[in-house]
């Protein structure tokens, strides 16, 4: 099958669901799966081949090495090292110390890569910045705020009892406890949101914990966000995604408009309160980044 070539780094829970999603929608013509556990990557490829036949997907799947990723049009980083996350607050930051060295090692091996990189590994705002700075790649995007935004639009649609496609709104800032819902620019059927949406904002904050309590880790939501973003970074469709990108001297989530694969920020007007919340998230991320362990040589997970 002709078409773009995509790579997925990490064959754990998120990587497995993501790879299955990509094959099922037949997005890449070829999918390269990379893991430090070569037997895991090979096993996943065999499983995906079985699924591809059943759903009549023409995507060709293969296990590869990091060097093979240079031949990909886009690479999705979903690695996760072995650690137990005991964080009660700022849960997504719980893996920062464990994941940063492996992600930095991968970034070093892909230094100068010219395709697009989508970072899923948490804490995504810190990991996307680390990957970009170590690799020198120009097209690095963190997946997170687009998942937050999708959840926000879904919950708001239920709150006002309309279909989600009638709701427009963004969640920006950090993917985590400091996410900033842009209530002031949210619309329903093109009209400003009327009344309080406090229940929606609270539901947005509770949703990740609900998923963790039931299945241990979010899998399907990030996979959907990656599929949606890949279509745009590869120039297959135009549209907006809320992605982690440089924002001043930090990285955090803002809306990015893609036109034929080219990206441009399109952050909505913010109220003073929303701006203060965004600045607070930026300040926290700035401080957190200084506490990351330095990049080290190693094999990515």
Protein backbone atom coordinates (compact mmCIF):
# COMPACT_ATOMS: atom_id res chain seq x y z
CA UNK A 1 0.00 0.00 0.00
CA UNK A 2 1.25 3.48 -0.84
CA UNK A 3 0.99 6.21 1.77
CA UNK A 4 2.91 7.80 4.63
CA UNK A 5 5.20 5.78 6.88
CA UNK A 6 4.74 6.12 10.64
CA UNK A 7 6.74 4.81 13.56
CA UNK A 8 5.61 4.03 17.10
CA UNK A 9 8.19 3.87 19.89
CA UNK A 10 6.94 1.85 22.83
CA UNK A 11 4.93 -1.36 22.75
CA UNK A 12 3.33 -1.06 26.17
CA UNK A 13 -0.31 -0.35 26.97
CA UNK A 14 -0.57 2.98 25.15
CA UNK A 15 1.66 1.92 22.27
CA UNK A 16 -0.40 -1.21 21.68
CA UNK A 17 -3.73 0.62 21.55
CA UNK A 18 -2.23 3.36 19.41
CA UNK A 19 -0.73 0.92 16.91
CA UNK A 20 -4.02 -0.97 16.69
CA UNK A 21 -5.86 2.30 16.07
CA UNK A 22 -3.50 3.31 13.29
CA UNK A 23 -3.81 -0.05 11.57
CA UNK A 24 -7.60 -0.14 11.92
CA UNK A 25 -8.06 3.26 10.24
CA UNK A 26 -5.39 2.38 7.67
CA UNK A 27 -3.66 5.70 8.28
CA UNK A 28 -0.03 4.82 7.44
CA UNK A 29 0.90 2.72 4.47
CA UNK A 30 3.61 1.20 6.65
CA UNK A 31 3.92 1.15 10.44
CA UNK A 32 7.25 0.54 12.19
CA UNK A 33 7.07 -0.62 15.82
CA UNK A 34 10.15 -0.04 18.00
CA UNK A 35 10.72 -1.15 21.59
CA UNK A 36 13.72 -1.84 23.76
CA UNK A 37 12.07 -5.24 24.31
CA UNK A 38 12.47 -6.63 20.81
CA UNK A 39 10.35 -9.68 21.60
CA UNK A 40 7.50 -7.39 22.64
CA UNK A 41 7.69 -5.42 19.40
CA UNK A 42 7.72 -8.60 17.32
CA UNK A 43 4.79 -10.07 19.23
CA UNK A 44 2.78 -6.88 18.78
CA UNK A 45 3.50 -6.89 15.05
CA UNK A 46 2.20 -10.47 14.75
CA UNK A 47 -0.94 -9.54 16.66
CA UNK A 48 -1.47 -6.47 14.47
CA UNK A 49 -1.04 -8.53 11.32
CA UNK A 50 -3.86 -10.78 12.49
CA UNK A 51 -6.09 -7.78 13.14
CA UNK A 52 -5.20 -6.13 9.83
CA UNK A 53 -6.36 -9.18 7.93
CA UNK A 54 -9.67 -9.29 9.80
CA UNK A 55 -10.48 -5.62 9.25
CA UNK A 56 -9.05 -5.66 5.71
CA UNK A 57 -6.45 -3.02 6.49
CA UNK A 58 -3.68 -2.70 3.92
CA UNK A 59 -1.25 -1.15 6.40
CA UNK A 60 1.98 -3.14 6.47
CA UNK A 61 3.39 -3.57 9.99
CA UNK A 62 6.96 -4.43 10.90
CA UNK A 63 9.26 -4.43 13.91
CA UNK A 64 12.25 -2.13 13.61
CA UNK A 65 15.15 -0.41 15.30
CA UNK A 66 15.54 3.24 16.19
CA UNK A 67 17.60 3.79 13.03
CA UNK A 68 14.62 2.68 10.94
CA UNK A 69 12.58 5.60 12.26
CA UNK A 70 14.57 8.02 10.12
CA UNK A 71 12.72 6.66 7.12
CA UNK A 72 9.35 7.53 8.67
CA UNK A 73 7.30 10.61 7.84
CA UNK A 74 6.18 10.81 11.47
CA UNK A 75 7.19 9.17 14.74
CA UNK A 76 4.99 8.76 17.82
CA UNK A 77 6.86 8.47 21.11
CA UNK A 78 4.86 6.41 23.60
CA UNK A 79 7.71 4.94 25.62
CA UNK A 80 7.34 4.38 29.35
CA UNK A 81 10.07 3.09 31.62
CA UNK A 82 9.39 0.70 34.48
CA UNK A 83 8.29 2.64 37.55
CA UNK A 84 5.41 2.80 40.00
CA UNK A 85 3.66 6.16 40.00
CA UNK A 86 2.83 6.98 43.63
CA UNK A 87 1.95 10.62 43.01
CA UNK A 88 -1.35 11.79 44.46
CA UNK A 89 -1.21 15.30 43.01
CA UNK A 90 0.24 16.24 39.61
CA UNK A 91 -0.09 12.54 38.75
CA UNK A 92 1.19 12.94 35.18
CA UNK A 93 4.43 14.42 36.51
CA UNK A 94 5.04 11.28 38.54
CA UNK A 95 7.01 9.72 35.71
CA UNK A 96 9.25 12.69 34.97
CA UNK A 97 12.39 11.39 36.67
CA UNK A 98 11.93 7.87 35.31
CA UNK A 99 11.01 8.73 31.71
CA UNK A 100 13.28 11.71 31.02
CA UNK A 101 16.60 9.79 30.63
CA UNK A 102 15.15 7.23 28.19
CA UNK A 103 13.36 9.90 26.20
CA UNK A 104 16.53 11.97 26.04
CA UNK A 105 18.49 8.95 24.81
CA UNK A 106 15.94 8.37 22.04
CA UNK A 107 16.07 12.05 21.10
CA UNK A 108 19.84 11.88 20.82
CA UNK A 109 19.62 8.89 18.48
CA UNK A 110 17.13 10.80 16.31
CA UNK A 111 19.08 14.05 16.32
CA UNK A 112 18.34 15.98 13.14
CA UNK A 113 15.33 13.84 12.18
CA UNK A 114 13.33 15.80 9.58
CA UNK A 115 9.86 14.32 10.04
CA UNK A 116 7.19 15.12 12.62
CA UNK A 117 7.39 13.80 16.18
CA UNK A 118 4.35 13.37 18.40
CA UNK A 119 5.24 12.88 22.06
CA UNK A 120 2.71 11.00 24.19
CA UNK A 121 4.99 10.09 27.11
CA UNK A 122 4.03 11.87 30.33
CA UNK A 123 4.57 14.42 31.69
CA UNK A 124 4.04 15.38 28.07
CA UNK A 125 4.75 19.12 28.33
CA UNK A 126 8.15 18.42 29.87
CA UNK A 127 8.94 15.43 27.67
CA UNK A 128 8.07 17.22 24.42
CA UNK A 129 10.43 20.03 25.36
CA UNK A 130 13.17 17.58 26.34
CA UNK A 131 12.86 15.70 23.05
CA UNK A 132 12.93 18.88 20.98
CA UNK A 133 15.94 20.35 22.76
CA UNK A 134 18.02 17.17 22.65
CA UNK A 135 17.09 16.10 19.12
CA UNK A 136 17.08 19.52 17.46
CA UNK A 137 13.99 18.45 15.49
CA UNK A 138 11.84 21.30 14.21
CA UNK A 139 8.45 19.56 14.20
CA UNK A 140 7.85 18.23 17.70
CA UNK A 141 4.37 18.27 19.22
CA UNK A 142 3.10 17.03 22.58
CA UNK A 143 -0.20 15.16 22.76
CA UNK A 144 -2.32 16.13 25.75
CA UNK A 145 -4.22 19.38 25.51
CA UNK A 146 -6.08 18.08 22.47
CA UNK A 147 -7.31 15.16 24.59
CA UNK A 148 -8.30 17.62 27.33
CA UNK A 149 -10.15 19.71 24.74
CA UNK A 150 -12.00 16.70 23.35
CA UNK A 151 -13.10 15.75 26.85
CA UNK A 152 -14.17 19.32 27.53
CA UNK A 153 -16.30 19.53 24.39
CA UNK A 154 -17.85 16.14 25.10
CA UNK A 155 -18.76 17.00 28.69
CA UNK A 156 -20.05 20.43 27.72
CA UNK A 157 -22.20 18.93 24.97
CA UNK A 158 -23.76 16.60 27.52
CA UNK A 159 -24.25 19.50 29.93
CA UNK A 160 -26.18 21.61 27.41
CA UNK A 161 -27.71 18.53 25.73
CA UNK A 162 -26.44 18.98 22.20
CA UNK A 163 -24.18 16.91 19.96
CA UNK A 164 -20.43 17.54 20.48
CA UNK A 165 -19.99 18.85 16.92
CA UNK A 166 -22.07 21.88 17.91
CA UNK A 167 -19.56 22.84 20.61
CA UNK A 168 -16.35 24.78 19.96
CA UNK A 169 -13.84 25.36 22.73
CA UNK A 170 -10.27 24.82 23.83
CA UNK A 171 -8.37 23.61 26.86
CA UNK A 172 -4.83 24.96 26.93
CA UNK A 173 -1.85 25.10 29.30
CA UNK A 174 -0.47 22.03 31.00
CA UNK A 175 -1.90 18.59 30.36
CA UNK A 176 -2.73 17.89 33.97
CA UNK A 177 -3.88 19.67 37.08
CA UNK A 178 -3.12 23.11 35.59
CA UNK A 179 -5.14 22.74 32.40
CA UNK A 180 -6.96 25.97 31.48
CA UNK A 181 -10.47 25.68 29.97
CA UNK A 182 -11.08 28.70 27.73
CA UNK A 183 -14.65 29.37 28.85
CA UNK A 184 -14.70 32.91 27.49
CA UNK A 185 -14.22 31.79 23.88
CA UNK A 186 -16.34 28.61 24.06
CA UNK A 187 -19.40 28.59 21.83
CA UNK A 188 -22.43 26.38 21.26
CA UNK A 189 -23.90 26.67 17.77
CA UNK A 190 -21.61 29.65 17.29
CA UNK A 191 -23.07 31.52 20.26
CA UNK A 192 -21.17 32.35 23.48
CA UNK A 193 -21.61 29.95 26.36
CA UNK A 194 -24.38 31.17 28.66
CA UNK A 195 -24.35 30.40 32.37
CA UNK A 196 -21.88 28.62 34.60
CA UNK A 197 -20.06 25.53 33.36
CA UNK A 198 -18.48 24.78 36.72
CA UNK A 199 -19.80 21.21 36.65
CA UNK A 200 -18.15 20.70 33.25
CA UNK A 201 -14.79 21.97 34.50
CA UNK A 202 -15.03 19.75 37.56
CA UNK A 203 -15.95 16.77 35.40
CA UNK A 204 -12.92 17.48 33.22
CA UNK A 205 -10.66 17.33 36.26
CA UNK A 206 -12.21 14.11 37.55
CA UNK A 207 -12.24 12.20 34.25
CA UNK A 208 -8.59 10.98 34.29
CA UNK A 209 -8.95 9.67 37.85
CA UNK A 210 -12.11 7.82 36.84
CA UNK A 211 -10.20 6.09 34.03
CA UNK A 212 -7.19 5.29 36.24
CA UNK A 213 -9.43 3.80 38.94
CA UNK A 214 -11.02 1.40 36.46
CA UNK A 215 -8.27 0.38 34.02
CA UNK A 216 -5.09 1.77 35.56
CA UNK A 217 -3.98 3.97 32.68
CA UNK A 218 -5.51 6.07 29.93
CA UNK A 219 -5.06 4.33 26.58
CA UNK A 220 -7.79 4.95 24.02
CA UNK A 221 -8.13 8.71 24.44
CA UNK A 222 -4.47 9.44 23.69
CA UNK A 223 -4.59 7.04 20.75
CA UNK A 224 -7.52 8.95 19.27
CA UNK A 225 -5.73 12.26 19.79
CA UNK A 226 -2.67 10.89 17.99
CA UNK A 227 -4.68 9.61 15.02
CA UNK A 228 -6.41 12.98 14.67
CA UNK A 229 -3.12 14.89 14.92
CA UNK A 230 -1.23 12.59 12.54
CA UNK A 231 -3.74 13.30 9.79
CA UNK A 232 -2.99 17.01 10.15
CA UNK A 233 0.80 16.94 10.53
CA UNK A 234 1.01 14.66 7.49
CA UNK A 235 -1.07 17.14 5.47
CA UNK A 236 -3.91 14.70 4.85
CA UNK A 237 -6.53 17.08 6.31
CA UNK A 238 -6.56 20.66 7.58
CA UNK A 239 -7.77 21.63 11.02
CA UNK A 240 -6.90 22.67 14.56
CA UNK A 241 -5.34 20.62 17.34
CA UNK A 242 -4.43 21.79 20.84
CA UNK A 243 -0.80 20.67 21.10
CA UNK A 244 2.19 21.23 23.32
CA UNK A 245 4.60 23.58 21.55
CA UNK A 246 7.02 26.37 22.57
CA UNK A 247 5.31 29.18 24.47
CA UNK A 248 7.84 31.79 25.47
CA UNK A 249 10.56 29.94 27.35
CA UNK A 250 8.40 26.90 28.19
CA UNK A 251 6.34 24.30 26.35
CA UNK A 252 2.61 23.99 26.91
CA UNK A 253 -0.61 23.35 25.04
CA UNK A 254 -2.16 25.92 22.70
CA UNK A 255 -4.34 25.57 19.57
CA UNK A 256 -2.35 24.95 16.39
CA UNK A 257 -3.92 25.38 12.95
CA UNK A 258 -2.62 23.03 10.24
CA UNK A 259 -2.90 23.88 6.56
CA UNK A 260 -1.46 21.27 4.19
CA UNK A 261 0.77 20.10 7.03
CA UNK A 262 2.09 23.54 7.95
CA UNK A 263 1.46 24.62 11.54
CA UNK A 264 0.58 28.04 12.95
CA UNK A 265 -0.51 28.96 16.51
CA UNK A 266 -4.07 30.28 16.84
CA UNK A 267 -4.63 30.88 20.54
CA UNK A 268 -8.03 32.47 21.31
CA UNK A 269 -8.39 35.77 23.20
CA UNK A 270 -8.11 35.15 26.94
CA UNK A 271 -9.69 36.90 29.90
CA UNK A 272 -7.43 38.25 32.61
CA UNK A 273 -8.25 35.22 34.77
CA UNK A 274 -7.50 32.76 31.96
CA UNK A 275 -4.24 34.54 31.24
CA UNK A 276 -3.25 34.35 34.92
CA UNK A 277 -4.03 30.62 34.96
CA UNK A 278 -1.96 30.08 31.83
CA UNK A 279 0.95 32.08 33.27
CA UNK A 280 0.72 30.05 36.47
CA UNK A 281 0.94 26.81 34.47
CA UNK A 282 3.91 28.18 32.54
CA UNK A 283 5.69 29.14 35.76
CA UNK A 284 5.15 25.69 37.27
CA UNK A 285 6.38 23.96 34.11
CA UNK A 286 9.41 26.23 33.96
CA UNK A 287 10.38 25.25 37.49
CA UNK A 288 9.65 21.54 36.95
CA UNK A 289 11.87 21.40 33.88
CA UNK A 290 14.88 22.56 35.88
CA UNK A 291 14.47 19.51 38.12
CA UNK A 292 14.54 16.94 35.32
CA UNK A 293 17.57 14.63 35.28
CA UNK A 294 20.04 15.45 32.55
CA UNK A 295 19.83 13.39 29.32
CA UNK A 296 21.93 10.22 29.44
CA UNK A 297 22.97 7.63 26.93
CA UNK A 298 20.78 4.54 26.84
CA UNK A 299 18.25 2.48 24.97
CA UNK A 300 14.70 3.85 24.80
CA UNK A 301 11.90 1.86 26.38
